[in-house]
Amino acid sequence: MGDLAEPIPVVVCGKVENVGRVVVEGLKPEYDVVLFCLGSQPTAAELPYILRGTAPPTQSSYIGSGNYAKPPVAVLMGQAWDEAAVAQVKAAIQSVGLPRDVTPVIMRNDTSIPTPQPPAPEYTAQLLRRMRETLGKLMAGEKLPGPEEGIVWY
């Protein structure tokens, strides 16, 4: 008999929908990307709705399951997002006022790790491997390195 565990909800932020589609599919079946967001400003605008369990009134992308019934455990940000973009997304998450145990962790791409440039297939393969590895550790309760509270590197 197969594993009947429900997929774990996450949000992915990227710059290019073609890469986003590959990431969304590559995280299945263990993870459900509820929405692929394009850019830090749209992500900051969309996350408060998602965290409250409702669809954003406008969306930067329609890639993802759209299943907002459970809040995402993590917000995965691609390599294009700098500290200011991450801070903007973190502020949006904090504005909702969720209890700490249900506040999603921001997973930030560790750009110190050599990575092929998108849209190379090797880029998405490495990205998915690192995302899955970090999500697995996060779900296992491991303390992960990051630049500040609520943000971890993948």
N, C-alpha and C. Protein backbone atom coordinates (compact mmCIF):
# COMPACT_ATOMS: atom_id res chain seq x y z
N MET A 1 0.85 -1.18 0.00
CA MET A 1 0.00 0.00 0.00
C MET A 1 0.89 1.23 0.00
N GLY A 2 0.56 2.24 -0.80
CA GLY A 2 1.37 3.46 -0.95
C GLY A 2 1.22 4.40 0.22
N ASP A 3 2.10 5.38 0.28
CA ASP A 3 2.08 6.39 1.31
C ASP A 3 0.92 7.35 1.03
N LEU A 4 0.06 7.52 2.02
CA LEU A 4 -1.11 8.36 1.84
C LEU A 4 -0.93 9.74 2.46
N ALA A 5 0.29 10.09 2.85
CA ALA A 5 0.53 11.39 3.46
C ALA A 5 0.18 12.49 2.46
N GLU A 6 -0.44 13.54 3.00
CA GLU A 6 -0.77 14.70 2.15
C GLU A 6 0.50 15.46 1.83
N PRO A 7 0.56 16.03 0.64
CA PRO A 7 1.74 16.84 0.31
C PRO A 7 1.85 18.06 1.24
N ILE A 8 3.07 18.46 1.50
CA ILE A 8 3.35 19.59 2.39
C ILE A 8 3.30 20.88 1.57
N PRO A 9 2.46 21.85 1.99
CA PRO A 9 2.31 23.07 1.20
C PRO A 9 3.52 24.01 1.34
N VAL A 10 3.94 24.56 0.20
CA VAL A 10 5.02 25.55 0.15
C VAL A 10 4.66 26.60 -0.91
N VAL A 11 5.34 27.74 -0.85
CA VAL A 11 5.26 28.77 -1.87
C VAL A 11 6.65 28.89 -2.47
N VAL A 12 6.74 29.05 -3.78
CA VAL A 12 8.02 29.23 -4.45
C VAL A 12 8.00 30.59 -5.14
N CYS A 13 9.10 31.33 -4.98
CA CYS A 13 9.25 32.64 -5.61
C CYS A 13 10.38 32.56 -6.63
N GLY A 14 10.10 33.00 -7.82
CA GLY A 14 11.11 32.98 -8.86
C GLY A 14 10.94 34.14 -9.81
N LYS A 15 11.79 34.13 -10.82
CA LYS A 15 11.77 35.23 -11.78
C LYS A 15 11.23 34.81 -13.13
N VAL A 16 11.26 33.49 -13.41
CA VAL A 16 10.91 32.99 -14.74
C VAL A 16 9.92 31.83 -14.59
N GLU A 17 8.75 31.96 -15.22
CA GLU A 17 7.73 30.92 -15.10
C GLU A 17 8.19 29.57 -15.67
N ASN A 18 9.02 29.59 -16.72
CA ASN A 18 9.48 28.31 -17.28
C ASN A 18 10.26 27.51 -16.25
N VAL A 19 11.11 28.17 -15.49
CA VAL A 19 11.84 27.50 -14.41
C VAL A 19 10.86 27.13 -13.31
N GLY A 20 9.94 28.02 -12.99
CA GLY A 20 8.94 27.76 -11.96
C GLY A 20 8.13 26.51 -12.21
N ARG A 21 7.72 26.31 -13.44
CA ARG A 21 6.93 25.12 -13.78
C ARG A 21 7.72 23.84 -13.48
N VAL A 22 9.00 23.84 -13.83
CA VAL A 22 9.86 22.67 -13.59
C VAL A 22 10.01 22.43 -12.09
N VAL A 23 10.20 23.51 -11.33
CA VAL A 23 10.35 23.39 -9.88
C VAL A 23 9.06 22.87 -9.25
N VAL A 24 7.93 23.43 -9.65
CA VAL A 24 6.64 22.99 -9.10
C VAL A 24 6.44 21.49 -9.34
N GLU A 25 6.69 21.04 -10.56
CA GLU A 25 6.53 19.62 -10.88
C GLU A 25 7.58 18.76 -10.16
N GLY A 26 8.80 19.30 -10.05
CA GLY A 26 9.89 18.54 -9.44
C GLY A 26 9.77 18.36 -7.94
N LEU A 27 8.97 19.19 -7.27
CA LEU A 27 8.77 19.05 -5.84
C LEU A 27 7.65 18.06 -5.50
N LYS A 28 6.85 17.72 -6.50
CA LYS A 28 5.78 16.74 -6.29
C LYS A 28 6.39 15.35 -6.15
N PRO A 29 5.75 14.43 -5.50
CA PRO A 29 4.45 14.49 -4.84
C PRO A 29 4.53 14.89 -3.37
N GLU A 30 5.75 14.96 -2.81
CA GLU A 30 5.88 15.24 -1.38
C GLU A 30 5.46 16.66 -1.00
N TYR A 31 5.68 17.60 -1.92
CA TYR A 31 5.40 19.01 -1.64
C TYR A 31 4.40 19.56 -2.64
N ASP A 32 3.50 20.39 -2.14
CA ASP A 32 2.49 21.03 -2.96
C ASP A 32 2.82 22.51 -3.05
N VAL A 33 3.28 22.96 -4.21
CA VAL A 33 3.52 24.38 -4.40
C VAL A 33 2.15 25.02 -4.63
N VAL A 34 1.67 25.73 -3.62
CA VAL A 34 0.33 26.31 -3.72
C VAL A 34 0.32 27.50 -4.67
N LEU A 35 1.47 28.21 -4.76
CA LEU A 35 1.57 29.30 -5.72
C LEU A 35 3.04 29.57 -6.02
N PHE A 36 3.32 29.77 -7.29
CA PHE A 36 4.62 30.24 -7.75
C PHE A 36 4.47 31.74 -7.94
N CYS A 37 5.20 32.53 -7.15
CA CYS A 37 5.10 33.99 -7.20
C CYS A 37 6.24 34.56 -8.01
N LEU A 38 5.94 35.59 -8.77
CA LEU A 38 6.94 36.25 -9.60
C LEU A 38 7.37 37.57 -8.97
N GLY A 39 8.49 37.59 -8.29
CA GLY A 39 9.03 38.81 -7.73
C GLY A 39 8.70 39.01 -6.27
N SER A 40 9.54 39.80 -5.59
CA SER A 40 9.36 40.00 -4.15
C SER A 40 8.15 40.87 -3.82
N GLN A 41 7.88 41.90 -4.62
CA GLN A 41 6.72 42.76 -4.34
C GLN A 41 5.42 41.99 -4.48
N PRO A 42 5.22 41.25 -5.59
CA PRO A 42 4.00 40.45 -5.67
C PRO A 42 3.92 39.39 -4.57
N THR A 43 5.06 38.77 -4.23
CA THR A 43 5.06 37.77 -3.17
C THR A 43 4.62 38.41 -1.86
N ALA A 44 5.16 39.58 -1.54
CA ALA A 44 4.80 40.27 -0.30
C ALA A 44 3.31 40.63 -0.28
N ALA A 45 2.75 40.93 -1.44
CA ALA A 45 1.32 41.26 -1.52
C ALA A 45 0.44 40.01 -1.43
N GLU A 46 0.91 38.90 -2.00
CA GLU A 46 0.10 37.68 -2.08
C GLU A 46 0.17 36.82 -0.81
N LEU A 47 1.31 36.81 -0.13
CA LEU A 47 1.48 35.93 1.03
C LEU A 47 0.48 36.16 2.16
N PRO A 48 0.16 37.38 2.55
CA PRO A 48 -0.81 37.52 3.64
C PRO A 48 -2.14 36.82 3.36
N TYR A 49 -2.61 36.86 2.14
CA TYR A 49 -3.85 36.15 1.78
C TYR A 49 -3.65 34.64 1.91
N ILE A 50 -2.56 34.16 1.33
CA ILE A 50 -2.28 32.72 1.35
C ILE A 50 -2.18 32.22 2.79
N LEU A 51 -1.50 32.99 3.65
CA LEU A 51 -1.32 32.58 5.04
C LEU A 51 -2.63 32.59 5.82
N ARG A 52 -3.60 33.36 5.34
CA ARG A 52 -4.93 33.38 5.97
C ARG A 52 -5.87 32.35 5.33
N GLY A 53 -5.37 31.61 4.35
CA GLY A 53 -6.17 30.55 3.74
C GLY A 53 -7.07 30.99 2.61
N THR A 54 -6.78 32.15 2.01
CA THR A 54 -7.61 32.61 0.89
C THR A 54 -6.74 32.93 -0.33
N ALA A 55 -7.36 32.91 -1.47
CA ALA A 55 -6.66 33.24 -2.71
C ALA A 55 -6.39 34.74 -2.76
N PRO A 56 -5.20 35.13 -3.20
CA PRO A 56 -4.95 36.57 -3.39
C PRO A 56 -5.90 37.13 -4.45
N PRO A 57 -6.37 38.38 -4.28
CA PRO A 57 -7.29 38.95 -5.27
C PRO A 57 -6.65 39.10 -6.65
N THR A 58 -5.34 39.34 -6.67
CA THR A 58 -4.59 39.33 -7.92
C THR A 58 -3.36 38.48 -7.69
N GLN A 59 -2.93 37.78 -8.72
CA GLN A 59 -1.79 36.89 -8.60
C GLN A 59 -0.77 37.21 -9.68
N SER A 60 0.50 37.10 -9.32
CA SER A 60 1.57 37.35 -10.27
C SER A 60 1.74 36.19 -11.24
N SER A 61 1.19 35.05 -10.87
CA SER A 61 1.30 33.83 -11.68
C SER A 61 0.14 32.92 -11.30
N TYR A 62 -0.19 32.03 -12.19
CA TYR A 62 -1.23 31.05 -11.87
C TYR A 62 -0.66 29.64 -11.87
N ILE A 63 0.64 29.56 -11.65
CA ILE A 63 1.31 28.26 -11.52
C ILE A 63 1.21 27.85 -10.06
N GLY A 64 0.78 26.64 -9.82
CA GLY A 64 0.61 26.12 -8.47
C GLY A 64 -0.77 25.53 -8.31
N SER A 65 -0.97 24.84 -7.21
CA SER A 65 -2.23 24.13 -7.00
C SER A 65 -3.39 25.05 -6.64
N GLY A 66 -3.11 26.22 -6.04
CA GLY A 66 -4.18 27.09 -5.58
C GLY A 66 -4.88 26.55 -4.35
N ASN A 67 -4.31 25.54 -3.71
CA ASN A 67 -4.91 24.96 -2.51
C ASN A 67 -4.39 25.73 -1.29
N TYR A 68 -5.18 26.67 -0.80
CA TYR A 68 -4.76 27.52 0.31
C TYR A 68 -5.36 27.08 1.65
N ALA A 69 -5.88 25.85 1.71
CA ALA A 69 -6.53 25.36 2.92
C ALA A 69 -5.58 25.29 4.11
N LYS A 70 -4.31 24.93 3.86
CA LYS A 70 -3.32 24.86 4.92
C LYS A 70 -2.20 25.85 4.61
N PRO A 71 -1.71 26.56 5.62
CA PRO A 71 -0.65 27.53 5.35
C PRO A 71 0.65 26.83 4.93
N PRO A 72 1.41 27.47 4.06
CA PRO A 72 2.68 26.87 3.63
C PRO A 72 3.67 26.80 4.79
N VAL A 73 4.50 25.76 4.79
CA VAL A 73 5.52 25.62 5.83
C VAL A 73 6.78 26.40 5.47
N ALA A 74 6.93 26.72 4.19
CA ALA A 74 8.13 27.43 3.75
C ALA A 74 7.82 28.27 2.51
N VAL A 75 8.61 29.33 2.38
CA VAL A 75 8.59 30.17 1.18
C VAL A 75 9.99 30.06 0.59
N LEU A 76 10.09 29.45 -0.57
CA LEU A 76 11.38 29.19 -1.21
C LEU A 76 11.67 30.28 -2.23
N MET A 77 12.77 30.98 -2.03
CA MET A 77 13.12 32.09 -2.90
C MET A 77 14.31 31.71 -3.78
N GLY A 78 14.20 31.99 -5.06
CA GLY A 78 15.25 31.67 -6.02
C GLY A 78 16.47 32.54 -5.86
N GLN A 79 17.44 32.32 -6.72
CA GLN A 79 18.73 33.01 -6.57
C GLN A 79 18.68 34.49 -6.91
N ALA A 80 17.63 34.96 -7.54
CA ALA A 80 17.57 36.36 -7.96
C ALA A 80 17.24 37.33 -6.82
N TRP A 81 16.86 36.83 -5.65
CA TRP A 81 16.37 37.71 -4.59
C TRP A 81 17.46 38.09 -3.62
N ASP A 82 17.65 39.40 -3.45
CA ASP A 82 18.67 39.92 -2.55
C ASP A 82 18.09 40.12 -1.15
N GLU A 83 18.91 40.67 -0.25
CA GLU A 83 18.49 40.87 1.15
C GLU A 83 17.25 41.75 1.27
N ALA A 84 17.18 42.81 0.46
CA ALA A 84 16.03 43.71 0.53
C ALA A 84 14.75 42.99 0.13
N ALA A 85 14.81 42.16 -0.89
CA ALA A 85 13.63 41.40 -1.33
C ALA A 85 13.20 40.40 -0.26
N VAL A 86 14.18 39.74 0.35
CA VAL A 86 13.88 38.78 1.40
C VAL A 86 13.25 39.50 2.61
N ALA A 87 13.79 40.67 2.95
CA ALA A 87 13.25 41.45 4.07
C ALA A 87 11.80 41.86 3.81
N GLN A 88 11.51 42.21 2.56
CA GLN A 88 10.15 42.60 2.19
C GLN A 88 9.18 41.42 2.37
N VAL A 89 9.60 40.25 1.96
CA VAL A 89 8.76 39.06 2.10
C VAL A 89 8.61 38.68 3.57
N LYS A 90 9.70 38.77 4.32
CA LYS A 90 9.64 38.45 5.76
C LYS A 90 8.68 39.40 6.47
N ALA A 91 8.72 40.69 6.15
CA ALA A 91 7.82 41.66 6.76
C ALA A 91 6.36 41.32 6.44
N ALA A 92 6.09 40.87 5.21
CA ALA A 92 4.73 40.49 4.83
C ALA A 92 4.26 39.29 5.65
N ILE A 93 5.14 38.33 5.86
CA ILE A 93 4.79 37.16 6.68
C ILE A 93 4.50 37.60 8.11
N GLN A 94 5.35 38.43 8.67
CA GLN A 94 5.18 38.89 10.05
C GLN A 94 3.92 39.73 10.23
N SER A 95 3.50 40.42 9.17
CA SER A 95 2.32 41.28 9.27
C SER A 95 1.04 40.51 9.55
N VAL A 96 1.06 39.22 9.24
CA VAL A 96 -0.14 38.40 9.44
C VAL A 96 -0.32 38.05 10.91
N GLY A 97 0.76 38.02 11.68
CA GLY A 97 0.67 37.74 13.11
C GLY A 97 0.37 36.29 13.45
N LEU A 98 0.91 35.38 12.68
CA LEU A 98 0.71 33.96 12.95
C LEU A 98 1.53 33.52 14.15
N PRO A 99 1.05 32.51 14.88
CA PRO A 99 1.89 31.93 15.93
C PRO A 99 3.18 31.39 15.31
N ARG A 100 4.24 31.43 16.08
CA ARG A 100 5.56 31.04 15.58
C ARG A 100 5.57 29.63 14.99
N ASP A 101 4.82 28.71 15.60
CA ASP A 101 4.86 27.32 15.14
C ASP A 101 4.19 27.11 13.78
N VAL A 102 3.46 28.08 13.27
CA VAL A 102 2.86 27.95 11.94
C VAL A 102 3.34 29.04 10.97
N THR A 103 4.31 29.83 11.41
CA THR A 103 4.88 30.84 10.53
C THR A 103 5.85 30.16 9.57
N PRO A 104 5.67 30.37 8.26
CA PRO A 104 6.57 29.68 7.32
C PRO A 104 8.00 30.20 7.41
N VAL A 105 8.92 29.31 7.17
CA VAL A 105 10.34 29.64 7.11
C VAL A 105 10.64 30.13 5.69
N ILE A 106 11.47 31.14 5.58
CA ILE A 106 11.94 31.56 4.27
C ILE A 106 13.20 30.77 3.95
N MET A 107 13.19 30.09 2.83
CA MET A 107 14.36 29.36 2.37
C MET A 107 15.01 30.17 1.26
N ARG A 108 16.23 30.56 1.51
CA ARG A 108 16.95 31.44 0.58
C ARG A 108 18.08 30.67 -0.10
N ASN A 109 18.20 30.85 -1.40
CA ASN A 109 19.24 30.19 -2.19
C ASN A 109 20.61 30.67 -1.72
N ASP A 110 21.46 29.72 -1.36
CA ASP A 110 22.83 30.04 -0.94
C ASP A 110 23.67 30.25 -2.20
N THR A 111 23.86 31.51 -2.55
CA THR A 111 24.57 31.82 -3.80
C THR A 111 26.08 31.61 -3.68
N SER A 112 26.57 31.22 -2.51
CA SER A 112 28.00 30.89 -2.39
C SER A 112 28.28 29.49 -2.96
N ILE A 113 27.23 28.72 -3.19
CA ILE A 113 27.38 27.39 -3.80
C ILE A 113 27.39 27.56 -5.31
N PRO A 114 28.44 27.10 -5.98
CA PRO A 114 28.47 27.22 -7.45
C PRO A 114 27.25 26.54 -8.08
N THR A 115 26.59 27.26 -8.96
CA THR A 115 25.35 26.79 -9.57
C THR A 115 25.36 27.12 -11.06
N PRO A 116 24.94 26.17 -11.91
CA PRO A 116 24.78 26.51 -13.33
C PRO A 116 23.76 27.64 -13.47
N GLN A 117 23.86 28.40 -14.51
CA GLN A 117 22.93 29.51 -14.72
C GLN A 117 21.64 29.04 -15.39
N PRO A 118 20.49 29.59 -14.94
CA PRO A 118 19.25 29.26 -15.63
C PRO A 118 19.28 29.83 -17.04
N PRO A 119 18.61 29.23 -17.98
CA PRO A 119 17.64 28.15 -17.85
C PRO A 119 18.23 26.75 -18.07
N ALA A 120 19.52 26.57 -17.86
CA ALA A 120 20.15 25.25 -18.04
C ALA A 120 19.42 24.19 -17.22
N PRO A 121 19.18 23.01 -17.80
CA PRO A 121 18.53 21.93 -17.04
C PRO A 121 19.30 21.57 -15.77
N GLU A 122 20.61 21.72 -15.81
CA GLU A 122 21.43 21.43 -14.62
C GLU A 122 21.08 22.37 -13.47
N TYR A 123 20.68 23.60 -13.81
CA TYR A 123 20.30 24.58 -12.79
C TYR A 123 19.10 24.07 -12.00
N THR A 124 18.04 23.71 -12.71
CA THR A 124 16.83 23.26 -12.00
C THR A 124 17.06 21.94 -11.29
N ALA A 125 17.88 21.06 -11.85
CA ALA A 125 18.17 19.79 -11.19
C ALA A 125 18.87 20.04 -9.85
N GLN A 126 19.87 20.93 -9.85
CA GLN A 126 20.59 21.24 -8.61
C GLN A 126 19.67 21.97 -7.62
N LEU A 127 18.90 22.91 -8.13
CA LEU A 127 17.97 23.67 -7.30
C LEU A 127 17.00 22.73 -6.59
N LEU A 128 16.41 21.82 -7.35
CA LEU A 128 15.45 20.87 -6.77
C LEU A 128 16.11 19.97 -5.73
N ARG A 129 17.31 19.49 -6.01
CA ARG A 129 18.01 18.63 -5.05
C ARG A 129 18.23 19.38 -3.74
N ARG A 130 18.70 20.62 -3.83
CA ARG A 130 18.98 21.40 -2.62
C ARG A 130 17.69 21.78 -1.89
N MET A 131 16.64 22.13 -2.63
CA MET A 131 15.35 22.46 -2.00
C MET A 131 14.80 21.25 -1.26
N ARG A 132 14.78 20.10 -1.91
CA ARG A 132 14.23 18.89 -1.30
C ARG A 132 15.03 18.49 -0.06
N GLU A 133 16.35 18.58 -0.17
CA GLU A 133 17.22 18.22 0.96
C GLU A 133 16.93 19.13 2.16
N THR A 134 16.84 20.43 1.92
CA THR A 134 16.61 21.39 3.00
C THR A 134 15.19 21.25 3.56
N LEU A 135 14.21 21.07 2.70
CA LEU A 135 12.84 20.85 3.18
C LEU A 135 12.76 19.60 4.04
N GLY A 136 13.44 18.54 3.62
CA GLY A 136 13.46 17.30 4.41
C GLY A 136 14.03 17.52 5.80
N LYS A 137 15.13 18.26 5.87
CA LYS A 137 15.75 18.56 7.18
C LYS A 137 14.82 19.44 8.01
N LEU A 138 14.20 20.41 7.38
CA LEU A 138 13.27 21.30 8.06
C LEU A 138 12.11 20.50 8.65
N MET A 139 11.54 19.61 7.85
CA MET A 139 10.41 18.81 8.31
C MET A 139 10.81 17.82 9.40
N ALA A 140 12.10 17.44 9.43
CA ALA A 140 12.60 16.54 10.46
C ALA A 140 12.95 17.29 11.74
N GLY A 141 12.80 18.62 11.72
CA GLY A 141 13.04 19.42 12.91
C GLY A 141 14.49 19.82 13.13
N GLU A 142 15.32 19.66 12.11
CA GLU A 142 16.72 20.05 12.25
C GLU A 142 16.87 21.56 12.30
N LYS A 143 17.84 22.01 13.07
CA LYS A 143 18.20 23.44 13.12
C LYS A 143 19.09 23.69 11.91
N LEU A 144 18.67 24.61 11.06
CA LEU A 144 19.38 24.87 9.81
C LEU A 144 20.06 26.23 9.84
N PRO A 145 21.20 26.35 9.15
CA PRO A 145 21.90 27.63 9.13
C PRO A 145 21.17 28.65 8.27
N GLY A 146 21.28 29.90 8.69
CA GLY A 146 20.69 30.99 7.94
C GLY A 146 21.21 32.32 8.44
N PRO A 147 20.94 33.37 7.68
CA PRO A 147 21.47 34.68 8.05
C PRO A 147 20.77 35.32 9.24
N GLU A 148 19.53 34.90 9.53
CA GLU A 148 18.78 35.47 10.67
C GLU A 148 17.61 34.57 10.99
N GLU A 149 16.97 34.85 12.11
CA GLU A 149 15.81 34.08 12.55
C GLU A 149 14.73 34.03 11.47
N GLY A 150 14.23 32.84 11.18
CA GLY A 150 13.15 32.67 10.22
C GLY A 150 13.61 32.52 8.77
N ILE A 151 14.92 32.60 8.54
CA ILE A 151 15.47 32.46 7.19
C ILE A 151 16.58 31.43 7.22
N VAL A 152 16.50 30.45 6.33
CA VAL A 152 17.54 29.42 6.24
C VAL A 152 18.08 29.36 4.82
N TRP A 153 19.29 28.87 4.69
CA TRP A 153 19.92 28.68 3.37
C TRP A 153 19.56 27.30 2.82
N TYR A 154 19.41 27.23 1.52
CA TYR A 154 19.33 25.92 0.85
C TYR A 154 20.36 25.85 -0.24
